[in-house]
Amino acid sequence: MKRIALAAASLLAFATSGCGGIHTKAYETKKPVLKIQDFFKGHVTGYGLIQNRAGEVTQRFVVEMHGTLDGDTFVMDEDFVFDDGHTQKRQWKIRLTGDHTFTGTAADVTGTAHCEQYGSAIHLKYVLQVPVDKKTYDIDMDDWLYAVDEKTVLNRTRMTKLGFRVGAVTATFLKRD
């Protein structure tokens, strides 16, 4: 019995640890090259949807984004409009920490986002404060962006809480200038 419990605990630890995932560096030779400070500089429009853990679409949104360089900080303002009419604003402050790494902060992000960019992909991991029914939950965001061409980026975000999937975000971003 102890052996079964130990095996179950080991399997649960492995399943929730995030091991075995694709590393951003796997995209190093893929084109076009996607750099957050290049693609999101200027005006970008995004169209997306949010799904619950069962895959049901619970919200759709349009986001207008504008990125500017302020000294050594890349500032990205996001203005969301959701299908139920509510709006949300977020301002990211992004600092490049290496050739392929950067960190990001925002008012509704707990701590710091840790990010990598290689070739045609960007991978961000952060904890987002998500309001639900007058409560706010810290949700782990595993965010992947992929360049399709010079003007189009696809985004897929896995949302988890305590290692369990609670939802997903899918979006397309179009560079306007």
Foldseek 3Di string as FASTA:
>chain_A
DVVVVVVVVVVVCVLLVPPPDDDQQVQQPADDFDDCLPQQAAWKKKWKFKAWPVRHTDKIKIKIWHWDDDPQWIKIWIWIAIPVGDIDIWIKTWGAPDPFWIWIDIPQWDDIWTWGGHHFKIWIWTWGFPDDPNHTDTWIKTKMWGDPHSFKIWIKIFIHDPSHTTIIMTMMMGRDD
